[in-house]
Amino acid sequence: PGFTNDVSLREIINPTPVTCIADELKIKIQNRGADPLTSCQITYQIDNQNPTTIVPTFNPAINTSEVRELIISLNTIQDGAHTIEVNVDLPNGNADNAPSNNTLVKNFIINNTQEKAPLNERFPSDFASLKWLNVNPTGILSWQSVNTNYETSAFYSNTTSTSQSTAWLVSPVIDFSTGLNAAIRFQYSFRDAQNGNEKFSLYYSDDCGL
């Protein structure tokens, strides 16, 4: 480590980008300082609400280069789009020697919208009217609707971006209670950007997005 006192915020794990409940804040912090980390200050702010600050203590201490997950209970958050900003500071009560790694911001959506299977979609221009969510945790690029040989399709233009970007197109909660089996079928076209490292992924959740 290059500093005596340096706590780093590595990741905001929860809330996830889309969930039907957000009752906890889960983060990863790292001790990048030379001294064992026994405490730090954590401040989080949701939307324009007043910031909340806590000062947890760590027993056992977090050793140099060690990463640890922390869970903080949250008050009830209403459905809709939200932003959370988290800052870690004051390792062992001292000024942080490298504050540039102390803060992260994440966009997330709480969604309890439901549909019954089967669900077929061609993604016309207004995703919201379809009960699909266009989620952009990094705040850079989003999905859009374009005309194709399938009438309309969802399109994500990341081939010219020089920034790290993530975007989710999220279905409503789908009720499979009337069926014995479930399947998903889709068609897609994918192009790598020059010198890029893109990934197209399909995720599903049966626990509310947790």
C-alpha atoms as a PDB file:
ATOM      1  CA  PRO A   1       0.000   0.000   0.000  1.00  0.00           C
ATOM      2  CA  GLY A   2       1.136   3.505  -0.751  1.00  0.00           C
ATOM      3  CA  PHE A   3      -0.686   5.229   2.138  1.00  0.00           C
ATOM      4  CA  THR A   4      -1.107   4.754   5.862  1.00  0.00           C
ATOM      5  CA  ASN A   5      -4.862   5.524   5.804  1.00  0.00           C
ATOM      6  CA  ASP A   6      -6.859   4.564   2.717  1.00  0.00           C
ATOM      7  CA  VAL A   7     -10.297   2.937   2.656  1.00  0.00           C
ATOM      8  CA  SER A   8     -11.771   2.204  -0.769  1.00  0.00           C
ATOM      9  CA  LEU A   9     -15.392   1.623  -1.827  1.00  0.00           C
ATOM     10  CA  ARG A  10     -15.141  -1.247  -4.310  1.00  0.00           C
ATOM     11  CA  GLU A  11     -18.776  -2.004  -5.171  1.00  0.00           C
ATOM     12  CA  ILE A  12     -22.419  -1.307  -4.363  1.00  0.00           C
ATOM     13  CA  ILE A  13     -23.901  -4.806  -4.476  1.00  0.00           C
ATOM     14  CA  ASN A  14     -27.420  -4.053  -3.251  1.00  0.00           C
ATOM     15  CA  PRO A  15     -29.735  -2.520  -4.274  1.00  0.00           C
ATOM     16  CA  THR A  16     -29.477  -4.441  -7.553  1.00  0.00           C
ATOM     17  CA  PRO A  17     -30.338  -2.513 -10.761  1.00  0.00           C
ATOM     18  CA  VAL A  18     -33.902  -3.865 -10.700  1.00  0.00           C
ATOM     19  CA  THR A  19     -35.660  -5.320  -7.669  1.00  0.00           C
ATOM     20  CA  CYS A  20     -39.108  -5.406  -6.101  1.00  0.00           C
ATOM     21  CA  ILE A  21     -37.720  -4.524  -2.678  1.00  0.00           C
ATOM     22  CA  ALA A  22     -34.677  -2.573  -1.464  1.00  0.00           C
ATOM     23  CA  ASP A  23     -34.432  -2.984   2.291  1.00  0.00           C
ATOM     24  CA  GLU A  24     -30.663  -3.212   2.618  1.00  0.00           C
ATOM     25  CA  LEU A  25     -27.510  -1.557   1.343  1.00  0.00           C
ATOM     26  CA  LYS A  26     -24.724  -4.073   0.711  1.00  0.00           C
ATOM     27  CA  ILE A  27     -21.291  -2.753  -0.206  1.00  0.00           C
ATOM     28  CA  LYS A  28     -17.723  -3.983  -0.568  1.00  0.00           C
ATOM     29  CA  ILE A  29     -14.956  -1.952   1.005  1.00  0.00           C
ATOM     30  CA  GLN A  30     -11.199  -2.544   0.908  1.00  0.00           C
ATOM     31  CA  ASN A  31      -8.452  -1.509   3.277  1.00  0.00           C
ATOM     32  CA  ARG A  32      -5.777  -0.088   0.988  1.00  0.00           C
ATOM     33  CA  GLY A  33      -3.840   1.459   3.859  1.00  0.00           C
ATOM     34  CA  ALA A  34      -0.863   0.123   5.755  1.00  0.00           C
ATOM     35  CA  ASP A  35      -2.618  -0.038   9.129  1.00  0.00           C
ATOM     36  CA  PRO A  36      -5.383  -2.545  10.014  1.00  0.00           C
ATOM     37  CA  LEU A  37      -8.791  -0.905   9.575  1.00  0.00           C
ATOM     38  CA  THR A  38     -10.875  -0.867  12.751  1.00  0.00           C
ATOM     39  CA  SER A  39     -13.467   1.758  11.756  1.00  0.00           C
ATOM     40  CA  CYS A  40     -14.545   4.136   9.018  1.00  0.00           C
ATOM     41  CA  GLN A  41     -17.336   6.564   8.242  1.00  0.00           C
ATOM     42  CA  ILE A  42     -20.020   5.518   5.730  1.00  0.00           C
ATOM     43  CA  THR A  43     -22.434   8.084   4.290  1.00  0.00           C
ATOM     44  CA  TYR A  44     -25.224   7.196   1.869  1.00  0.00           C
ATOM     45  CA  GLN A  45     -27.867   9.320   0.178  1.00  0.00           C
ATOM     46  CA  ILE A  46     -30.912   8.139  -1.791  1.00  0.00           C
ATOM     47  CA  ASP A  47     -32.208  10.637  -4.344  1.00  0.00           C
ATOM     48  CA  ASN A  48     -32.564  14.048  -2.685  1.00  0.00           C
ATOM     49  CA  GLN A  49     -33.143  12.726   0.814  1.00  0.00           C
ATOM     50  CA  ASN A  50     -30.933  13.829   3.668  1.00  0.00           C
ATOM     51  CA  PRO A  51     -27.680  11.848   3.823  1.00  0.00           C
ATOM     52  CA  THR A  52     -27.317   9.175   6.498  1.00  0.00           C
ATOM     53  CA  THR A  53     -23.944   8.662   8.200  1.00  0.00           C
ATOM     54  CA  ILE A  54     -22.822   5.730  10.322  1.00  0.00           C
ATOM     55  CA  VAL A  55     -19.439   4.793  11.796  1.00  0.00           C
ATOM     56  CA  PRO A  56     -19.155   1.003  12.070  1.00  0.00           C
ATOM     57  CA  THR A  57     -16.291  -0.663  13.912  1.00  0.00           C
ATOM     58  CA  PHE A  58     -14.624  -3.839  12.665  1.00  0.00           C
ATOM     59  CA  ASN A  59     -13.708  -6.746  14.915  1.00  0.00           C
ATOM     60  CA  PRO A  60     -11.677  -8.451  13.644  1.00  0.00           C
ATOM     61  CA  ALA A  61      -9.988  -5.538  11.930  1.00  0.00           C
ATOM     62  CA  ILE A  62      -9.800  -5.428   8.133  1.00  0.00           C
ATOM     63  CA  ASN A  63      -6.211  -6.194   7.207  1.00  0.00           C
ATOM     64  CA  THR A  64      -4.224  -4.468   4.485  1.00  0.00           C
ATOM     65  CA  SER A  65      -5.651  -5.289   0.987  1.00  0.00           C
ATOM     66  CA  GLU A  66      -8.544  -7.258   2.530  1.00  0.00           C
ATOM     67  CA  VAL A  67     -12.021  -6.784   1.042  1.00  0.00           C
ATOM     68  CA  ARG A  68     -15.100  -7.089   3.252  1.00  0.00           C
ATOM     69  CA  GLU A  69     -18.850  -6.916   2.600  1.00  0.00           C
ATOM     70  CA  LEU A  70     -20.998  -4.722   4.826  1.00  0.00           C
ATOM     71  CA  ILE A  71     -24.801  -4.715   5.126  1.00  0.00           C
ATOM     72  CA  ILE A  72     -26.772  -1.667   6.253  1.00  0.00           C
ATOM     73  CA  SER A  73     -30.559  -1.686   6.767  1.00  0.00           C
ATOM     74  CA  LEU A  74     -32.552   0.825   4.703  1.00  0.00           C
ATOM     75  CA  ASN A  75     -35.911   2.423   5.342  1.00  0.00           C
ATOM     76  CA  THR A  76     -38.799   1.697   2.962  1.00  0.00           C
ATOM     77  CA  ILE A  77     -38.215   3.008  -0.572  1.00  0.00           C
ATOM     78  CA  GLN A  78     -41.147   3.594  -2.906  1.00  0.00           C
ATOM     79  CA  ASP A  79     -41.531   1.959  -6.327  1.00  0.00           C
ATOM     80  CA  GLY A  80     -39.833   3.778  -9.202  1.00  0.00           C
ATOM     81  CA  ALA A  81     -36.408   4.963 -10.335  1.00  0.00           C
ATOM     82  CA  HIS A  82     -33.842   5.967  -7.715  1.00  0.00           C
ATOM     83  CA  THR A  83     -30.184   6.901  -7.311  1.00  0.00           C
ATOM     84  CA  ILE A  84     -27.981   5.991  -4.376  1.00  0.00           C
ATOM     85  CA  GLU A  85     -24.612   7.600  -3.628  1.00  0.00           C
ATOM     86  CA  VAL A  86     -22.279   5.991  -1.096  1.00  0.00           C
ATOM     87  CA  ASN A  87     -19.108   7.464   0.389  1.00  0.00           C
ATOM     88  CA  VAL A  88     -16.574   5.877   2.741  1.00  0.00           C
ATOM     89  CA  ASP A  89     -14.100   8.057   4.632  1.00  0.00           C
ATOM     90  CA  LEU A  90     -12.115   8.624   7.835  1.00  0.00           C
ATOM     91  CA  PRO A  91     -10.317   5.267   8.105  1.00  0.00           C
ATOM     92  CA  ASN A  92      -9.574   4.704  11.812  1.00  0.00           C
ATOM     93  CA  GLY A  93     -10.841   8.257  12.396  1.00  0.00           C
ATOM     94  CA  ASN A  94      -8.086   9.770  10.237  1.00  0.00           C
ATOM     95  CA  ALA A  95      -8.171  11.740   6.996  1.00  0.00           C
ATOM     96  CA  ASP A  96      -8.157   9.431   3.959  1.00  0.00           C
ATOM     97  CA  ASN A  97      -4.873   9.777   2.058  1.00  0.00           C
ATOM     98  CA  ALA A  98      -6.523   8.785  -1.276  1.00  0.00           C
ATOM     99  CA  PRO A  99     -10.121  10.096  -1.343  1.00  0.00           C
ATOM    100  CA  SER A 100     -10.530   9.511  -5.099  1.00  0.00           C
ATOM    101  CA  ASN A 101     -11.643   5.900  -4.457  1.00  0.00           C
ATOM    102  CA  ASN A 102     -14.180   6.717  -1.749  1.00  0.00           C
ATOM    103  CA  THR A 103     -17.444   7.328  -3.661  1.00  0.00           C
ATOM    104  CA  LEU A 104     -19.732   5.355  -5.980  1.00  0.00           C
ATOM    105  CA  VAL A 105     -23.150   6.184  -7.464  1.00  0.00           C
ATOM    106  CA  LYS A 106     -25.690   3.632  -8.678  1.00  0.00           C
ATOM    107  CA  ASN A 107     -29.075   3.894 -10.386  1.00  0.00           C
ATOM    108  CA  PHE A 108     -31.734   1.327  -9.506  1.00  0.00           C
ATOM    109  CA  ILE A 109     -35.436   0.719  -9.994  1.00  0.00           C
ATOM    110  CA  ILE A 110     -37.976  -0.832  -7.632  1.00  0.00           C
ATOM    111  CA  ASN A 111     -40.598  -2.546  -9.754  1.00  0.00           C
ATOM    112  CA  ASN A 112     -43.554  -4.709  -8.765  1.00  0.00           C
ATOM    113  CA  THR A 113     -45.324  -4.704 -12.154  1.00  0.00           C
ATOM    114  CA  GLN A 114     -46.646  -8.136 -13.165  1.00  0.00           C
ATOM    115  CA  GLU A 115     -47.761  -9.929 -16.336  1.00  0.00           C
ATOM    116  CA  LYS A 116     -49.004 -13.449 -17.015  1.00  0.00           C
ATOM    117  CA  ALA A 117     -47.297 -15.858 -19.416  1.00  0.00           C
ATOM    118  CA  PRO A 118     -47.128 -16.119 -22.382  1.00  0.00           C
ATOM    119  CA  LEU A 119     -45.563 -12.724 -23.077  1.00  0.00           C
ATOM    120  CA  ASN A 120     -44.592 -11.692 -26.627  1.00  0.00           C
ATOM    121  CA  GLU A 121     -42.803  -8.435 -27.411  1.00  0.00           C
ATOM    122  CA  ARG A 122     -41.415  -6.471 -30.383  1.00  0.00           C
ATOM    123  CA  PHE A 123     -40.439  -3.353 -28.402  1.00  0.00           C
ATOM    124  CA  PRO A 124     -42.129  -0.347 -29.985  1.00  0.00           C
ATOM    125  CA  SER A 125     -40.966   3.099 -28.931  1.00  0.00           C
ATOM    126  CA  ASP A 126     -42.629   3.383 -25.525  1.00  0.00           C
ATOM    127  CA  PHE A 127     -41.071   0.674 -23.339  1.00  0.00           C
ATOM    128  CA  ALA A 128     -42.918   1.962 -20.266  1.00  0.00           C
ATOM    129  CA  SER A 129     -46.335   1.289 -21.796  1.00  0.00           C
ATOM    130  CA  LEU A 130     -45.264  -2.354 -22.176  1.00  0.00           C
ATOM    131  CA  LYS A 131     -44.330  -2.546 -18.493  1.00  0.00           C
ATOM    132  CA  TRP A 132     -40.692  -3.177 -19.489  1.00  0.00           C
ATOM    133  CA  LEU A 133     -37.999  -1.131 -17.735  1.00  0.00           C
ATOM    134  CA  ASN A 134     -35.100   0.573 -19.481  1.00  0.00           C
ATOM    135  CA  VAL A 135     -32.476   0.606 -16.730  1.00  0.00           C
ATOM    136  CA  ASN A 136     -29.085   2.289 -16.954  1.00  0.00           C
ATOM    137  CA  PRO A 137     -27.044   1.749 -13.755  1.00  0.00           C
ATOM    138  CA  THR A 138     -24.054   3.686 -15.113  1.00  0.00           C
ATOM    139  CA  GLY A 139     -26.074   6.611 -16.491  1.00  0.00           C
ATOM    140  CA  ILE A 140     -24.404   6.622 -19.928  1.00  0.00           C
ATOM    141  CA  LEU A 141     -26.381   4.782 -22.640  1.00  0.00           C
ATOM    142  CA  SER A 142     -29.857   3.225 -22.723  1.00  0.00           C
ATOM    143  CA  TRP A 143     -31.847   0.862 -24.910  1.00  0.00           C
ATOM    144  CA  GLN A 144     -33.956   2.381 -27.670  1.00  0.00           C
ATOM    145  CA  SER A 145     -36.527   1.202 -30.199  1.00  0.00           C
ATOM    146  CA  VAL A 146     -35.571   1.027 -33.909  1.00  0.00           C
ATOM    147  CA  ASN A 147     -37.321  -0.134 -37.076  1.00  0.00           C
ATOM    148  CA  THR A 148     -36.088  -3.518 -38.322  1.00  0.00           C
ATOM    149  CA  ASN A 149     -37.264  -6.391 -40.491  1.00  0.00           C
ATOM    150  CA  TYR A 150     -39.197  -7.510 -37.402  1.00  0.00           C
ATOM    151  CA  GLU A 151     -41.145  -4.222 -37.467  1.00  0.00           C
ATOM    152  CA  THR A 152     -39.433  -2.844 -34.348  1.00  0.00           C
ATOM    153  CA  SER A 153     -36.674  -4.124 -32.076  1.00  0.00           C
ATOM    154  CA  ALA A 154     -34.766  -3.051 -28.972  1.00  0.00           C
ATOM    155  CA  PHE A 155     -31.356  -1.570 -29.854  1.00  0.00           C
ATOM    156  CA  TYR A 156     -28.332  -0.684 -27.728  1.00  0.00           C
ATOM    157  CA  SER A 157     -25.653   1.372 -29.498  1.00  0.00           C
ATOM    158  CA  ASN A 158     -22.387   0.845 -27.661  1.00  0.00           C
ATOM    159  CA  THR A 159     -20.022   0.375 -30.600  1.00  0.00           C
ATOM    160  CA  THR A 160     -18.825   3.993 -30.588  1.00  0.00           C
ATOM    161  CA  SER A 161     -18.780   4.664 -26.856  1.00  0.00           C
ATOM    162  CA  THR A 162     -15.413   5.064 -25.112  1.00  0.00           C
ATOM    163  CA  SER A 163     -16.916   4.759 -21.609  1.00  0.00           C
ATOM    164  CA  GLN A 164     -17.785   1.688 -19.563  1.00  0.00           C
ATOM    165  CA  SER A 165     -21.555   1.362 -19.858  1.00  0.00           C
ATOM    166  CA  THR A 166     -24.152  -1.127 -18.697  1.00  0.00           C
ATOM    167  CA  ALA A 167     -27.830  -1.112 -19.643  1.00  0.00           C
ATOM    168  CA  TRP A 168     -30.625  -3.503 -18.736  1.00  0.00           C
ATOM    169  CA  LEU A 169     -33.919  -4.117 -20.510  1.00  0.00           C
ATOM    170  CA  VAL A 170     -36.079  -5.703 -17.836  1.00  0.00           C
ATOM    171  CA  SER A 171     -39.373  -7.511 -18.192  1.00  0.00           C
ATOM    172  CA  PRO A 172     -42.187  -7.210 -15.684  1.00  0.00           C
ATOM    173  CA  VAL A 173     -42.552  -9.991 -13.132  1.00  0.00           C
ATOM    174  CA  ILE A 174     -44.035 -12.896 -15.107  1.00  0.00           C
ATOM    175  CA  ASP A 175     -46.529 -15.237 -13.474  1.00  0.00           C
ATOM    176  CA  PHE A 176     -45.917 -18.876 -14.477  1.00  0.00           C
ATOM    177  CA  SER A 177     -48.298 -20.339 -11.913  1.00  0.00           C
ATOM    178  CA  THR A 178     -50.705 -21.666 -14.553  1.00  0.00           C
ATOM    179  CA  GLY A 179     -48.023 -23.565 -16.505  1.00  0.00           C
ATOM    180  CA  LEU A 180     -45.912 -26.649 -15.930  1.00  0.00           C
ATOM    181  CA  ASN A 181     -42.866 -25.504 -17.911  1.00  0.00           C
ATOM    182  CA  ALA A 182     -41.280 -22.175 -18.837  1.00  0.00           C
ATOM    183  CA  ALA A 183     -39.132 -21.164 -21.811  1.00  0.00           C
ATOM    184  CA  ILE A 184     -37.756 -17.996 -23.347  1.00  0.00           C
ATOM    185  CA  ARG A 185     -36.955 -17.495 -27.030  1.00  0.00           C
ATOM    186  CA  PHE A 186     -35.441 -14.422 -28.627  1.00  0.00           C
ATOM    187  CA  GLN A 187     -33.478 -13.343 -31.697  1.00  0.00           C
ATOM    188  CA  TYR A 188     -30.553 -10.967 -31.540  1.00  0.00           C
ATOM    189  CA  SER A 189     -27.741  -9.461 -33.580  1.00  0.00           C
ATOM    190  CA  PHE A 190     -24.483  -8.549 -31.848  1.00  0.00           C
ATOM    191  CA  ARG A 191     -21.399  -6.648 -33.036  1.00  0.00           C
ATOM    192  CA  ASP A 192     -18.138  -6.145 -31.159  1.00  0.00           C
ATOM    193  CA  ALA A 193     -16.761  -2.641 -30.921  1.00  0.00           C
ATOM    194  CA  GLN A 194     -13.181  -2.065 -32.019  1.00  0.00           C
ATOM    195  CA  ASN A 195     -10.890  -2.762 -29.049  1.00  0.00           C
ATOM    196  CA  GLY A 196     -14.005  -3.434 -27.008  1.00  0.00           C
ATOM    197  CA  ASN A 197     -14.951  -6.037 -24.436  1.00  0.00           C
ATOM    198  CA  GLU A 198     -18.729  -6.186 -24.794  1.00  0.00           C
ATOM    199  CA  LYS A 199     -20.960  -8.904 -23.383  1.00  0.00           C
ATOM    200  CA  PHE A 200     -24.588  -9.693 -24.081  1.00  0.00           C
ATOM    201  CA  SER A 201     -26.127 -11.536 -21.139  1.00  0.00           C
ATOM    202  CA  LEU A 202     -29.517 -12.924 -20.187  1.00  0.00           C
ATOM    203  CA  TYR A 203     -30.408 -13.053 -16.494  1.00  0.00           C
ATOM    204  CA  TYR A 204     -33.451 -14.297 -14.650  1.00  0.00           C
ATOM    205  CA  SER A 205     -34.445 -14.118 -11.007  1.00  0.00           C
ATOM    206  CA  ASP A 206     -36.962 -16.014  -8.921  1.00  0.00           C
ATOM    207  CA  ASP A 207     -36.262 -14.052  -5.718  1.00  0.00           C
ATOM    208  CA  CYS A 208     -37.359 -10.509  -6.541  1.00  0.00           C
ATOM    209  CA  GLY A 209     -34.078  -9.504  -8.183  1.00  0.00           C
ATOM    210  CA  LEU A 210     -32.000 -10.139  -5.077  1.00  0.00           C
END
